[in-house]
Amino acid sequence: MSGEVSFIEFGASDATTARSFYGKLFDWTFESGPGGNGYSIDGVGVPAGVHGGDPGAAPYVFFRVDDLDAAVARVERLGGTVSAVEGADDEASIAIYGEFRLCRDDQGSPFGLHRPPRA
């Protein structure tokens, strides 16, 4: 398990509004993401995106793992919880971005696991 930051996702009620805000704030550029409910962000330093339909969400930081199943089991064994990322398990999304799981540590702090796409 490597653990470096591999993806950042910004959740927002409206992805277009978030794109406008962060684009103006940081001069980021965006491309439409798969599924039409979000955007890929260029210029962040690591792969990143923004999605809509997520009121009150904060940025999600995802850490790279090579074996997602083993990492999920380890989180649970250590007292954390794991849930799937809604809408991120379709074949096209996995091929482009890899697989994701939302987690909380044993004290409730959120983080994510990310297995990058297989080459």
PDB file of N, CA and C in Angstrom:
ATOM      1  N   MET A   1       0.860  -1.171   0.000  1.00  0.00           N
ATOM      2  CA  MET A   1       0.000   0.000   0.000  1.00  0.00           C
ATOM      3  C   MET A   1       0.902   1.228   0.000  1.00  0.00           C
ATOM      4  N   SER A   2       0.759   2.089  -1.016  1.00  0.00           N
ATOM      5  CA  SER A   2       1.687   3.202  -1.147  1.00  0.00           C
ATOM      6  C   SER A   2       1.276   4.433  -0.354  1.00  0.00           C
ATOM      7  N   GLY A   3       0.009   4.863  -0.430  1.00  0.00           N
ATOM      8  CA  GLY A   3      -0.496   5.934   0.416  1.00  0.00           C
ATOM      9  C   GLY A   3      -0.266   7.356  -0.032  1.00  0.00           C
ATOM     10  N   GLU A   4       0.365   7.589  -1.195  1.00  0.00           N
ATOM     11  CA  GLU A   4       0.509   8.980  -1.612  1.00  0.00           C
ATOM     12  C   GLU A   4      -0.830   9.512  -2.122  1.00  0.00           C
ATOM     13  N   VAL A   5      -0.997  10.827  -2.066  1.00  0.00           N
ATOM     14  CA  VAL A   5      -2.221  11.435  -2.578  1.00  0.00           C
ATOM     15  C   VAL A   5      -2.256  11.183  -4.081  1.00  0.00           C
ATOM     16  N   SER A   6      -3.374  10.599  -4.553  1.00  0.00           N
ATOM     17  CA  SER A   6      -3.458  10.269  -5.973  1.00  0.00           C
ATOM     18  C   SER A   6      -4.641  10.914  -6.675  1.00  0.00           C
ATOM     19  N   PHE A   7      -5.596  11.483  -5.929  1.00  0.00           N
ATOM     20  CA  PHE A   7      -6.759  12.094  -6.559  1.00  0.00           C
ATOM     21  C   PHE A   7      -7.430  13.011  -5.548  1.00  0.00           C
ATOM     22  N   ILE A   8      -7.930  14.141  -6.027  1.00  0.00           N
ATOM     23  CA  ILE A   8      -8.704  15.058  -5.196  1.00  0.00           C
ATOM     24  C   ILE A   8     -10.027  15.296  -5.914  1.00  0.00           C
ATOM     25  N   GLU A   9     -11.116  15.181  -5.178  1.00  0.00           N
ATOM     26  CA  GLU A   9     -12.448  15.381  -5.755  1.00  0.00           C
ATOM     27  C   GLU A   9     -13.192  16.432  -4.935  1.00  0.00           C
ATOM     28  N   PHE A  10     -13.735  17.430  -5.616  1.00  0.00           N
ATOM     29  CA  PHE A  10     -14.532  18.453  -4.963  1.00  0.00           C
ATOM     30  C   PHE A  10     -16.006  18.133  -5.191  1.00  0.00           C
ATOM     31  N   GLY A  11     -16.752  17.918  -4.136  1.00  0.00           N
ATOM     32  CA  GLY A  11     -18.188  17.719  -4.232  1.00  0.00           C
ATOM     33  C   GLY A  11     -18.888  19.059  -4.099  1.00  0.00           C
ATOM     34  N   ALA A  12     -19.968  19.230  -4.847  1.00  0.00           N
ATOM     35  CA  ALA A  12     -20.705  20.495  -4.806  1.00  0.00           C
ATOM     36  C   ALA A  12     -22.166  20.249  -5.154  1.00  0.00           C
ATOM     37  N   SER A  13     -23.028  21.149  -4.757  1.00  0.00           N
ATOM     38  CA  SER A  13     -24.427  21.051  -5.175  1.00  0.00           C
ATOM     39  C   SER A  13     -24.527  21.166  -6.691  1.00  0.00           C
ATOM     40  N   ASP A  14     -23.774  22.093  -7.262  1.00  0.00           N
ATOM     41  CA  ASP A  14     -23.821  22.354  -8.699  1.00  0.00           C
ATOM     42  C   ASP A  14     -22.388  22.389  -9.234  1.00  0.00           C
ATOM     43  N   ALA A  15     -22.038  21.428 -10.075  1.00  0.00           N
ATOM     44  CA  ALA A  15     -20.673  21.319 -10.599  1.00  0.00           C
ATOM     45  C   ALA A  15     -20.293  22.527 -11.454  1.00  0.00           C
ATOM     46  N   THR A  16     -21.247  23.085 -12.193  1.00  0.00           N
ATOM     47  CA  THR A  16     -20.951  24.230 -13.057  1.00  0.00           C
ATOM     48  C   THR A  16     -20.586  25.456 -12.219  1.00  0.00           C
ATOM     49  N   THR A  17     -21.310  25.671 -11.139  1.00  0.00           N
ATOM     50  CA  THR A  17     -21.000  26.784 -10.244  1.00  0.00           C
ATOM     51  C   THR A  17     -19.644  26.574  -9.584  1.00  0.00           C
ATOM     52  N   ALA A  18     -19.345  25.361  -9.144  1.00  0.00           N
ATOM     53  CA  ALA A  18     -18.044  25.067  -8.543  1.00  0.00           C
ATOM     54  C   ALA A  18     -16.926  25.280  -9.559  1.00  0.00           C
ATOM     55  N   ARG A  19     -17.163  24.854 -10.799  1.00  0.00           N
ATOM     56  CA  ARG A  19     -16.166  25.055 -11.854  1.00  0.00           C
ATOM     57  C   ARG A  19     -15.869  26.542 -12.019  1.00  0.00           C
ATOM     58  N   SER A  20     -16.896  27.363 -12.026  1.00  0.00           N
ATOM     59  CA  SER A  20     -16.708  28.800 -12.170  1.00  0.00           C
ATOM     60  C   SER A  20     -15.909  29.370 -10.991  1.00  0.00           C
ATOM     61  N   PHE A  21     -16.279  28.999  -9.783  1.00  0.00           N
ATOM     62  CA  PHE A  21     -15.605  29.511  -8.585  1.00  0.00           C
ATOM     63  C   PHE A  21     -14.128  29.135  -8.571  1.00  0.00           C
ATOM     64  N   TYR A  22     -13.830  27.831  -8.660  1.00  0.00           N
ATOM     65  CA  TYR A  22     -12.438  27.375  -8.575  1.00  0.00           C
ATOM     66  C   TYR A  22     -11.627  27.798  -9.792  1.00  0.00           C
ATOM     67  N   GLY A  23     -12.270  27.872 -10.958  1.00  0.00           N
ATOM     68  CA  GLY A  23     -11.574  28.348 -12.144  1.00  0.00           C
ATOM     69  C   GLY A  23     -11.106  29.786 -11.987  1.00  0.00           C
ATOM     70  N   LYS A  24     -11.987  30.626 -11.442  1.00  0.00           N
ATOM     71  CA  LYS A  24     -11.633  32.032 -11.223  1.00  0.00           C
ATOM     72  C   LYS A  24     -10.634  32.182 -10.077  1.00  0.00           C
ATOM     73  N   LEU A  25     -10.790  31.377  -9.036  1.00  0.00           N
ATOM     74  CA  LEU A  25      -9.900  31.474  -7.876  1.00  0.00           C
ATOM     75  C   LEU A  25      -8.477  31.049  -8.198  1.00  0.00           C
ATOM     76  N   PHE A  26      -8.321  29.898  -8.872  1.00  0.00           N
ATOM     77  CA  PHE A  26      -6.989  29.325  -9.091  1.00  0.00           C
ATOM     78  C   PHE A  26      -6.542  29.304 -10.556  1.00  0.00           C
ATOM     79  N   ASP A  27      -7.353  29.839 -11.473  1.00  0.00           N
ATOM     80  CA  ASP A  27      -7.063  29.782 -12.910  1.00  0.00           C
ATOM     81  C   ASP A  27      -6.975  28.350 -13.427  1.00  0.00           C
ATOM     82  N   TRP A  28      -7.749  27.451 -12.835  1.00  0.00           N
ATOM     83  CA  TRP A  28      -7.796  26.072 -13.315  1.00  0.00           C
ATOM     84  C   TRP A  28      -8.645  26.004 -14.578  1.00  0.00           C
ATOM     85  N   THR A  29      -8.363  25.012 -15.406  1.00  0.00           N
ATOM     86  CA  THR A  29      -9.197  24.738 -16.568  1.00  0.00           C
ATOM     87  C   THR A  29      -9.862  23.381 -16.363  1.00  0.00           C
ATOM     88  N   PHE A  30     -10.999  23.178 -17.019  1.00  0.00           N
ATOM     89  CA  PHE A  30     -11.830  21.998 -16.796  1.00  0.00           C
ATOM     90  C   PHE A  30     -12.210  21.350 -18.121  1.00  0.00           C
ATOM     91  N   GLU A  31     -12.409  20.037 -18.077  1.00  0.00           N
ATOM     92  CA  GLU A  31     -12.956  19.281 -19.197  1.00  0.00           C
ATOM     93  C   GLU A  31     -14.136  18.478 -18.673  1.00  0.00           C
ATOM     94  N   SER A  32     -15.143  18.270 -19.509  1.00  0.00           N
ATOM     95  CA  SER A  32     -16.292  17.459 -19.091  1.00  0.00           C
ATOM     96  C   SER A  32     -15.830  16.055 -18.732  1.00  0.00           C
ATOM     97  N   GLY A  33     -16.357  15.544 -17.622  1.00  0.00           N
ATOM     98  CA  GLY A  33     -16.029  14.194 -17.188  1.00  0.00           C
ATOM     99  C   GLY A  33     -17.045  13.196 -17.718  1.00  0.00           C
ATOM    100  N   PRO A  34     -16.760  11.914 -17.579  1.00  0.00           N
ATOM    101  CA  PRO A  34     -17.722  10.902 -18.040  1.00  0.00           C
ATOM    102  C   PRO A  34     -19.001  10.969 -17.213  1.00  0.00           C
ATOM    103  N   GLY A  35     -20.106  10.699 -17.830  1.00  0.00           N
ATOM    104  CA  GLY A  35     -21.385  10.726 -17.127  1.00  0.00           C
ATOM    105  C   GLY A  35     -22.057  12.080 -17.150  1.00  0.00           C
ATOM    106  N   GLY A  36     -21.348  13.139 -17.499  1.00  0.00           N
ATOM    107  CA  GLY A  36     -21.946  14.453 -17.649  1.00  0.00           C
ATOM    108  C   GLY A  36     -22.286  15.192 -16.375  1.00  0.00           C
ATOM    109  N   ASN A  37     -21.925  14.680 -15.190  1.00  0.00           N
ATOM    110  CA  ASN A  37     -22.260  15.360 -13.941  1.00  0.00           C
ATOM    111  C   ASN A  37     -21.016  15.917 -13.260  1.00  0.00           C
ATOM    112  N   GLY A  38     -19.984  16.188 -14.024  1.00  0.00           N
ATOM    113  CA  GLY A  38     -18.786  16.711 -13.411  1.00  0.00           C
ATOM    114  C   GLY A  38     -17.728  17.062 -14.436  1.00  0.00           C
ATOM    115  N   TYR A  39     -16.585  17.453 -13.907  1.00  0.00           N
ATOM    116  CA  TYR A  39     -15.490  17.910 -14.741  1.00  0.00           C
ATOM    117  C   TYR A  39     -14.164  17.379 -14.206  1.00  0.00           C
ATOM    118  N   SER A  40     -13.237  17.149 -15.104  1.00  0.00           N
ATOM    119  CA  SER A  40     -11.845  16.911 -14.736  1.00  0.00           C
ATOM    120  C   SER A  40     -11.191  18.278 -14.619  1.00  0.00           C
ATOM    121  N   ILE A  41     -10.268  18.402 -13.675  1.00  0.00           N
ATOM    122  CA  ILE A  41      -9.598  19.680 -13.441  1.00  0.00           C
ATOM    123  C   ILE A  41      -8.141  19.566 -13.876  1.00  0.00           C
ATOM    124  N   ASP A  42      -7.690  20.528 -14.670  1.00  0.00           N
ATOM    125  CA  ASP A  42      -6.281  20.606 -15.059  1.00  0.00           C
ATOM    126  C   ASP A  42      -5.583  21.645 -14.195  1.00  0.00           C
ATOM    127  N   GLY A  43      -4.318  21.403 -13.865  1.00  0.00           N
ATOM    128  CA  GLY A  43      -3.517  22.392 -13.159  1.00  0.00           C
ATOM    129  C   GLY A  43      -3.467  22.246 -11.657  1.00  0.00           C
ATOM    130  N   VAL A  44      -3.957  21.131 -11.118  1.00  0.00           N
ATOM    131  CA  VAL A  44      -3.976  20.946  -9.666  1.00  0.00           C
ATOM    132  C   VAL A  44      -2.682  20.313  -9.151  1.00  0.00           C
ATOM    133  N   GLY A  45      -1.982  19.574  -9.992  1.00  0.00           N
ATOM    134  CA  GLY A  45      -0.755  18.906  -9.569  1.00  0.00           C
ATOM    135  C   GLY A  45      -0.937  17.414  -9.390  1.00  0.00           C
ATOM    136  N   VAL A  46      -2.148  16.977  -9.121  1.00  0.00           N
ATOM    137  CA  VAL A  46      -2.526  15.560  -9.089  1.00  0.00           C
ATOM    138  C   VAL A  46      -3.851  15.470  -9.842  1.00  0.00           C
ATOM    139  N   PRO A  47      -4.234  14.293 -10.323  1.00  0.00           N
ATOM    140  CA  PRO A  47      -5.545  14.187 -10.961  1.00  0.00           C
ATOM    141  C   PRO A  47      -6.641  14.683 -10.012  1.00  0.00           C
ATOM    142  N   ALA A  48      -7.602  15.434 -10.571  1.00  0.00           N
ATOM    143  CA  ALA A  48      -8.650  16.028  -9.744  1.00  0.00           C
ATOM    144  C   ALA A  48      -9.925  16.197 -10.549  1.00  0.00           C
ATOM    145  N   GLY A  49     -11.025  16.346  -9.824  1.00  0.00           N
ATOM    146  CA  GLY A  49     -12.306  16.558 -10.474  1.00  0.00           C
ATOM    147  C   GLY A  49     -13.276  17.265  -9.552  1.00  0.00           C
ATOM    148  N   VAL A  50     -14.397  17.657 -10.134  1.00  0.00           N
ATOM    149  CA  VAL A  50     -15.500  18.248  -9.380  1.00  0.00           C
ATOM    150  C   VAL A  50     -16.777  17.571  -9.871  1.00  0.00           C
ATOM    151  N   HIS A  51     -17.673  17.241  -8.944  1.00  0.00           N
ATOM    152  CA  HIS A  51     -18.951  16.634  -9.310  1.00  0.00           C
ATOM    153  C   HIS A  51     -20.089  17.380  -8.620  1.00  0.00           C
ATOM    154  N   GLY A  52     -21.267  17.303  -9.227  1.00  0.00           N
ATOM    155  CA  GLY A  52     -22.442  17.956  -8.669  1.00  0.00           C
ATOM    156  C   GLY A  52     -23.323  16.985  -7.917  1.00  0.00           C
ATOM    157  N   GLY A  53     -24.422  17.505  -7.391  1.00  0.00           N
ATOM    158  CA  GLY A  53     -25.378  16.671  -6.674  1.00  0.00           C
ATOM    159  C   GLY A  53     -24.912  16.248  -5.295  1.00  0.00           C
ATOM    160  N   ASP A  54     -24.032  17.019  -4.689  1.00  0.00           N
ATOM    161  CA  ASP A  54     -23.434  16.650  -3.407  1.00  0.00           C
ATOM    162  C   ASP A  54     -23.472  17.856  -2.466  1.00  0.00           C
ATOM    163  N   PRO A  55     -24.680  18.240  -1.990  1.00  0.00           N
ATOM    164  CA  PRO A  55     -24.789  19.450  -1.159  1.00  0.00           C
ATOM    165  C   PRO A  55     -24.005  19.327   0.150  1.00  0.00           C
ATOM    166  N   GLY A  56     -23.275  20.383   0.459  1.00  0.00           N
ATOM    167  CA  GLY A  56     -22.543  20.432   1.719  1.00  0.00           C
ATOM    168  C   GLY A  56     -21.268  19.618   1.757  1.00  0.00           C
ATOM    169  N   ALA A  57     -20.852  19.044   0.643  1.00  0.00           N
ATOM    170  CA  ALA A  57     -19.653  18.205   0.641  1.00  0.00           C
ATOM    171  C   ALA A  57     -18.391  19.052   0.702  1.00  0.00           C
ATOM    172  N   ALA A  58     -17.364  18.474   1.224  1.00  0.00           N
ATOM    173  CA  ALA A  58     -16.044  19.084   1.280  1.00  0.00           C
ATOM    174  C   ALA A  58     -15.146  18.353   0.279  1.00  0.00           C
ATOM    175  N   PRO A  59     -13.953  18.866   0.047  1.00  0.00           N
ATOM    176  CA  PRO A  59     -13.039  18.128  -0.825  1.00  0.00           C
ATOM    177  C   PRO A  59     -12.737  16.746  -0.246  1.00  0.00           C
ATOM    178  N   TYR A  60     -12.605  15.794  -1.138  1.00  0.00           N
ATOM    179  CA  TYR A  60     -12.228  14.432  -0.759  1.00  0.00           C
ATOM    180  C   TYR A  60     -10.785  14.204  -1.192  1.00  0.00           C
ATOM    181  N   VAL A  61      -9.939  13.731  -0.301  1.00  0.00           N
ATOM    182  CA  VAL A  61      -8.564  13.387  -0.634  1.00  0.00           C
ATOM    183  C   VAL A  61      -8.482  11.870  -0.701  1.00  0.00           C
ATOM    184  N   PHE A  62      -8.022  11.368  -1.836  1.00  0.00           N
ATOM    185  CA  PHE A  62      -7.898   9.933  -2.053  1.00  0.00           C
ATOM    186  C   PHE A  62      -6.430   9.534  -2.050  1.00  0.00           C
ATOM    187  N   PHE A  63      -6.142   8.415  -1.388  1.00  0.00           N
ATOM    188  CA  PHE A  63      -4.790   7.898  -1.301  1.00  0.00           C
ATOM    189  C   PHE A  63      -4.661   6.652  -2.167  1.00  0.00           C
ATOM    190  N   ARG A  64      -3.562   6.569  -2.892  1.00  0.00           N
ATOM    191  CA  ARG A  64      -3.323   5.476  -3.827  1.00  0.00           C
ATOM    192  C   ARG A  64      -3.062   4.163  -3.107  1.00  0.00           C
ATOM    193  N   VAL A  65      -3.706   3.117  -3.612  1.00  0.00           N
ATOM    194  CA  VAL A  65      -3.456   1.749  -3.153  1.00  0.00           C
ATOM    195  C   VAL A  65      -3.352   0.855  -4.383  1.00  0.00           C
ATOM    196  N   ASP A  66      -2.548  -0.173  -4.288  1.00  0.00           N
ATOM    197  CA  ASP A  66      -2.409  -1.113  -5.406  1.00  0.00           C
ATOM    198  C   ASP A  66      -3.475  -2.199  -5.361  1.00  0.00           C
ATOM    199  N   ASP A  67      -3.872  -2.595  -4.164  1.00  0.00           N
ATOM    200  CA  ASP A  67      -4.867  -3.656  -3.987  1.00  0.00           C
ATOM    201  C   ASP A  67      -6.033  -3.081  -3.195  1.00  0.00           C
ATOM    202  N   LEU A  68      -7.091  -2.699  -3.915  1.00  0.00           N
ATOM    203  CA  LEU A  68      -8.226  -2.035  -3.273  1.00  0.00           C
ATOM    204  C   LEU A  68      -8.917  -2.938  -2.258  1.00  0.00           C
ATOM    205  N   ASP A  69      -9.114  -4.199  -2.589  1.00  0.00           N
ATOM    206  CA  ASP A  69      -9.787  -5.118  -1.665  1.00  0.00           C
ATOM    207  C   ASP A  69      -9.005  -5.275  -0.363  1.00  0.00           C
ATOM    208  N   ALA A  70      -7.686  -5.401  -0.461  1.00  0.00           N
ATOM    209  CA  ALA A  70      -6.857  -5.543   0.741  1.00  0.00           C
ATOM    210  C   ALA A  70      -6.889  -4.266   1.576  1.00  0.00           C
ATOM    211  N   ALA A  71      -6.875  -3.106   0.905  1.00  0.00           N
ATOM    212  CA  ALA A  71      -6.913  -1.832   1.637  1.00  0.00           C
ATOM    213  C   ALA A  71      -8.250  -1.648   2.350  1.00  0.00           C
ATOM    214  N   VAL A  72      -9.359  -2.016   1.684  1.00  0.00           N
ATOM    215  CA  VAL A  72     -10.683  -1.937   2.304  1.00  0.00           C
ATOM    216  C   VAL A  72     -10.725  -2.827   3.542  1.00  0.00           C
ATOM    217  N   ALA A  73     -10.239  -4.029   3.406  1.00  0.00           N
ATOM    218  CA  ALA A  73     -10.223  -4.959   4.547  1.00  0.00           C
ATOM    219  C   ALA A  73      -9.382  -4.402   5.691  1.00  0.00           C
ATOM    220  N   ARG A  74      -8.281  -3.772   5.363  1.00  0.00           N
ATOM    221  CA  ARG A  74      -7.413  -3.218   6.402  1.00  0.00           C
ATOM    222  C   ARG A  74      -8.082  -2.051   7.128  1.00  0.00           C
ATOM    223  N   VAL A  75      -8.761  -1.172   6.376  1.00  0.00           N
ATOM    224  CA  VAL A  75      -9.498  -0.062   6.999  1.00  0.00           C
ATOM    225  C   VAL A  75     -10.508  -0.612   7.998  1.00  0.00           C
ATOM    226  N   GLU A  76     -11.282  -1.598   7.565  1.00  0.00           N
ATOM    227  CA  GLU A  76     -12.306  -2.181   8.439  1.00  0.00           C
ATOM    228  C   GLU A  76     -11.687  -2.890   9.646  1.00  0.00           C
ATOM    229  N   ARG A  77     -10.593  -3.579   9.427  1.00  0.00           N
ATOM    230  CA  ARG A  77      -9.910  -4.276  10.532  1.00  0.00           C
ATOM    231  C   ARG A  77      -9.400  -3.288  11.577  1.00  0.00           C
ATOM    232  N   LEU A  78      -9.026  -2.082  11.123  1.00  0.00           N
ATOM    233  CA  LEU A  78      -8.516  -1.059  12.030  1.00  0.00           C
ATOM    234  C   LEU A  78      -9.628  -0.230  12.669  1.00  0.00           C
ATOM    235  N   GLY A  79     -10.891  -0.553  12.398  1.00  0.00           N
ATOM    236  CA  GLY A  79     -12.018   0.124  13.020  1.00  0.00           C
ATOM    237  C   GLY A  79     -12.638   1.224  12.185  1.00  0.00           C
ATOM    238  N   GLY A  80     -12.211   1.377  10.940  1.00  0.00           N
ATOM    239  CA  GLY A  80     -12.792   2.371  10.053  1.00  0.00           C
ATOM    240  C   GLY A  80     -13.973   1.804   9.290  1.00  0.00           C
ATOM    241  N   THR A  81     -14.598   2.654   8.486  1.00  0.00           N
ATOM    242  CA  THR A  81     -15.719   2.224   7.661  1.00  0.00           C
ATOM    243  C   THR A  81     -15.434   2.573   6.199  1.00  0.00           C
ATOM    244  N   VAL A  82     -16.094   1.839   5.302  1.00  0.00           N
ATOM    245  CA  VAL A  82     -15.875   2.013   3.869  1.00  0.00           C
ATOM    246  C   VAL A  82     -17.214   1.959   3.150  1.00  0.00           C
ATOM    247  N   SER A  83     -17.390   2.836   2.146  1.00  0.00           N
ATOM    248  CA  SER A  83     -18.577   2.771   1.298  1.00  0.00           C
ATOM    249  C   SER A  83     -18.159   3.032  -0.148  1.00  0.00           C
ATOM    250  N   ALA A  84     -18.982   2.565  -1.066  1.00  0.00           N
ATOM    251  CA  ALA A  84     -18.716   2.775  -2.486  1.00  0.00           C
ATOM    252  C   ALA A  84     -18.954   4.235  -2.844  1.00  0.00           C
ATOM    253  N   VAL A  85     -18.335   4.690  -3.903  1.00  0.00           N
ATOM    254  CA  VAL A  85     -18.554   6.028  -4.435  1.00  0.00           C
ATOM    255  C   VAL A  85     -19.679   5.913  -5.448  1.00  0.00           C
ATOM    256  N   GLU A  86     -20.792   6.561  -5.168  1.00  0.00           N
ATOM    257  CA  GLU A  86     -21.974   6.450  -6.017  1.00  0.00           C
ATOM    258  C   GLU A  86     -21.679   6.912  -7.443  1.00  0.00           C
ATOM    259  N   GLY A  87     -22.025   6.075  -8.410  1.00  0.00           N
ATOM    260  CA  GLY A  87     -21.868   6.416  -9.816  1.00  0.00           C
ATOM    261  C   GLY A  87     -20.467   6.282 -10.367  1.00  0.00           C
ATOM    262  N   ALA A  88     -19.518   5.816  -9.561  1.00  0.00           N
ATOM    263  CA  ALA A  88     -18.129   5.732 -10.023  1.00  0.00           C
ATOM    264  C   ALA A  88     -17.715   4.313 -10.392  1.00  0.00           C
ATOM    265  N   ASP A  89     -18.677   3.401 -10.494  1.00  0.00           N
ATOM    266  CA  ASP A  89     -18.295   2.014 -10.749  1.00  0.00           C
ATOM    267  C   ASP A  89     -18.665   1.537 -12.153  1.00  0.00           C
ATOM    268  N   ASP A  90     -18.969   2.476 -13.073  1.00  0.00           N
ATOM    269  CA  ASP A  90     -19.251   2.051 -14.437  1.00  0.00           C
ATOM    270  C   ASP A  90     -17.920   1.809 -15.162  1.00  0.00           C
ATOM    271  N   GLU A  91     -17.956   0.965 -16.180  1.00  0.00           N
ATOM    272  CA  GLU A  91     -16.748   0.539 -16.894  1.00  0.00           C
ATOM    273  C   GLU A  91     -15.954   1.716 -17.468  1.00  0.00           C
ATOM    274  N   ALA A  92     -16.639   2.689 -18.069  1.00  0.00           N
ATOM    275  CA  ALA A  92     -15.942   3.825 -18.676  1.00  0.00           C
ATOM    276  C   ALA A  92     -15.194   4.632 -17.621  1.00  0.00           C
ATOM    277  N   SER A  93     -15.846   4.898 -16.502  1.00  0.00           N
ATOM    278  CA  SER A  93     -15.225   5.671 -15.432  1.00  0.00           C
ATOM    279  C   SER A  93     -14.020   4.931 -14.842  1.00  0.00           C
ATOM    280  N   ILE A  94     -14.165   3.635 -14.610  1.00  0.00           N
ATOM    281  CA  ILE A  94     -13.059   2.840 -14.055  1.00  0.00           C
ATOM    282  C   ILE A  94     -11.879   2.829 -15.016  1.00  0.00           C
ATOM    283  N   ALA A  95     -12.140   2.676 -16.327  1.00  0.00           N
ATOM    284  CA  ALA A  95     -11.067   2.637 -17.314  1.00  0.00           C
ATOM    285  C   ALA A  95     -10.287   3.947 -17.350  1.00  0.00           C
ATOM    286  N   ILE A  96     -10.996   5.076 -17.142  1.00  0.00           N
ATOM    287  CA  ILE A  96     -10.337   6.390 -17.212  1.00  0.00           C
ATOM    288  C   ILE A  96      -9.712   6.784 -15.880  1.00  0.00           C
ATOM    289  N   TYR A  97     -10.450   6.598 -14.783  1.00  0.00           N
ATOM    290  CA  TYR A  97     -10.027   7.139 -13.488  1.00  0.00           C
ATOM    291  C   TYR A  97      -9.601   6.092 -12.460  1.00  0.00           C
ATOM    292  N   GLY A  98      -9.964   4.832 -12.638  1.00  0.00           N
ATOM    293  CA  GLY A  98      -9.675   3.813 -11.640  1.00  0.00           C
ATOM    294  C   GLY A  98     -10.859   3.617 -10.708  1.00  0.00           C
ATOM    295  N   GLU A  99     -10.612   2.978  -9.582  1.00  0.00           N
ATOM    296  CA  GLU A  99     -11.678   2.682  -8.616  1.00  0.00           C
ATOM    297  C   GLU A  99     -11.472   3.471  -7.328  1.00  0.00           C
ATOM    298  N   PHE A 100     -12.592   3.848  -6.713  1.00  0.00           N
ATOM    299  CA  PHE A 100     -12.572   4.680  -5.514  1.00  0.00           C
ATOM    300  C   PHE A 100     -13.461   4.080  -4.428  1.00  0.00           C
ATOM    301  N   ARG A 101     -13.090   4.316  -3.173  1.00  0.00           N
ATOM    302  CA  ARG A 101     -13.938   4.012  -2.031  1.00  0.00           C
ATOM    303  C   ARG A 101     -13.839   5.172  -1.046  1.00  0.00           C
ATOM    304  N   LEU A 102     -14.985   5.575  -0.507  1.00  0.00           N
ATOM    305  CA  LEU A 102     -15.009   6.587   0.548  1.00  0.00           C
ATOM    306  C   LEU A 102     -14.861   5.889   1.887  1.00  0.00           C
ATOM    307  N   CYS A 103     -14.055   6.463   2.759  1.00  0.00           N
ATOM    308  CA  CYS A 103     -13.777   5.832   4.052  1.00  0.00           C
ATOM    309  C   CYS A 103     -13.878   6.864   5.168  1.00  0.00           C
ATOM    310  N   ARG A 104     -13.973   6.336   6.364  1.00  0.00           N
ATOM    311  CA  ARG A 104     -13.817   7.130   7.587  1.00  0.00           C
ATOM    312  C   ARG A 104     -12.884   6.346   8.484  1.00  0.00           C
ATOM    313  N   ASP A 105     -11.967   7.058   9.135  1.00  0.00           N
ATOM    314  CA  ASP A 105     -11.063   6.366  10.047  1.00  0.00           C
ATOM    315  C   ASP A 105     -11.802   5.996  11.327  1.00  0.00           C
ATOM    316  N   ASP A 106     -11.105   5.444  12.303  1.00  0.00           N
ATOM    317  CA  ASP A 106     -11.740   4.974  13.532  1.00  0.00           C
ATOM    318  C   ASP A 106     -12.259   6.100  14.417  1.00  0.00           C
ATOM    319  N   GLN A 107     -11.990   7.364  14.028  1.00  0.00           N
ATOM    320  CA  GLN A 107     -12.533   8.515  14.755  1.00  0.00           C
ATOM    321  C   GLN A 107     -13.545   9.298  13.918  1.00  0.00           C
ATOM    322  N   GLY A 108     -13.845   8.800  12.717  1.00  0.00           N
ATOM    323  CA  GLY A 108     -14.849   9.424  11.875  1.00  0.00           C
ATOM    324  C   GLY A 108     -14.339  10.406  10.834  1.00  0.00           C
ATOM    325  N   SER A 109     -13.024  10.613  10.747  1.00  0.00           N
ATOM    326  CA  SER A 109     -12.484  11.542   9.755  1.00  0.00           C
ATOM    327  C   SER A 109     -12.550  10.922   8.362  1.00  0.00           C
ATOM    328  N   PRO A 110     -13.053  11.685   7.362  1.00  0.00           N
ATOM    329  CA  PRO A 110     -13.198  11.135   6.017  1.00  0.00           C
ATOM    330  C   PRO A 110     -11.895  11.143   5.218  1.00  0.00           C
ATOM    331  N   PHE A 111     -11.755  10.150   4.352  1.00  0.00           N
ATOM    332  CA  PHE A 111     -10.676  10.067   3.373  1.00  0.00           C
ATOM    333  C   PHE A 111     -11.124   9.067   2.313  1.00  0.00           C
ATOM    334  N   GLY A 112     -10.324   8.900   1.297  1.00  0.00           N
ATOM    335  CA  GLY A 112     -10.684   7.947   0.263  1.00  0.00           C
ATOM    336  C   GLY A 112      -9.529   7.068  -0.132  1.00  0.00           C
ATOM    337  N   LEU A 113      -9.870   5.918  -0.720  1.00  0.00           N
ATOM    338  CA  LEU A 113      -8.900   5.006  -1.303  1.00  0.00           C
ATOM    339  C   LEU A 113      -9.068   5.060  -2.816  1.00  0.00           C
ATOM    340  N   HIS A 114      -7.970   5.003  -3.542  1.00  0.00           N
ATOM    341  CA  HIS A 114      -8.009   5.062  -5.007  1.00  0.00           C
ATOM    342  C   HIS A 114      -7.035   4.040  -5.595  1.00  0.00           C
ATOM    343  N   ARG A 115      -7.583   3.153  -6.423  1.00  0.00           N
ATOM    344  CA  ARG A 115      -6.733   2.264  -7.213  1.00  0.00           C
ATOM    345  C   ARG A 115      -6.740   2.828  -8.621  1.00  0.00           C
ATOM    346  N   PRO A 116      -5.592   3.378  -9.094  1.00  0.00           N
ATOM    347  CA  PRO A 116      -5.557   3.961 -10.435  1.00  0.00           C
ATOM    348  C   PRO A 116      -5.905   2.932 -11.512  1.00  0.00           C
ATOM    349  N   PRO A 117      -6.237   3.422 -12.710  1.00  0.00           N
ATOM    350  CA  PRO A 117      -6.572   2.492 -13.794  1.00  0.00           C
ATOM    351  C   PRO A 117      -5.420   1.563 -14.091  1.00  0.00           C
ATOM    352  N   ARG A 118      -5.751   0.357 -14.455  1.00  0.00           N
ATOM    353  CA  ARG A 118      -4.719  -0.613 -14.819  1.00  0.00           C
ATOM    354  C   ARG A 118      -4.230  -0.304 -16.223  1.00  0.00           C
ATOM    355  N   ALA A 119      -2.942  -0.395 -16.403  1.00  0.00           N
ATOM    356  CA  ALA A 119      -2.349  -0.088 -17.725  1.00  0.00           C
ATOM    357  C   ALA A 119      -2.603  -1.204 -18.714  1.00  0.00           C
TER     358      ALA A 119
END
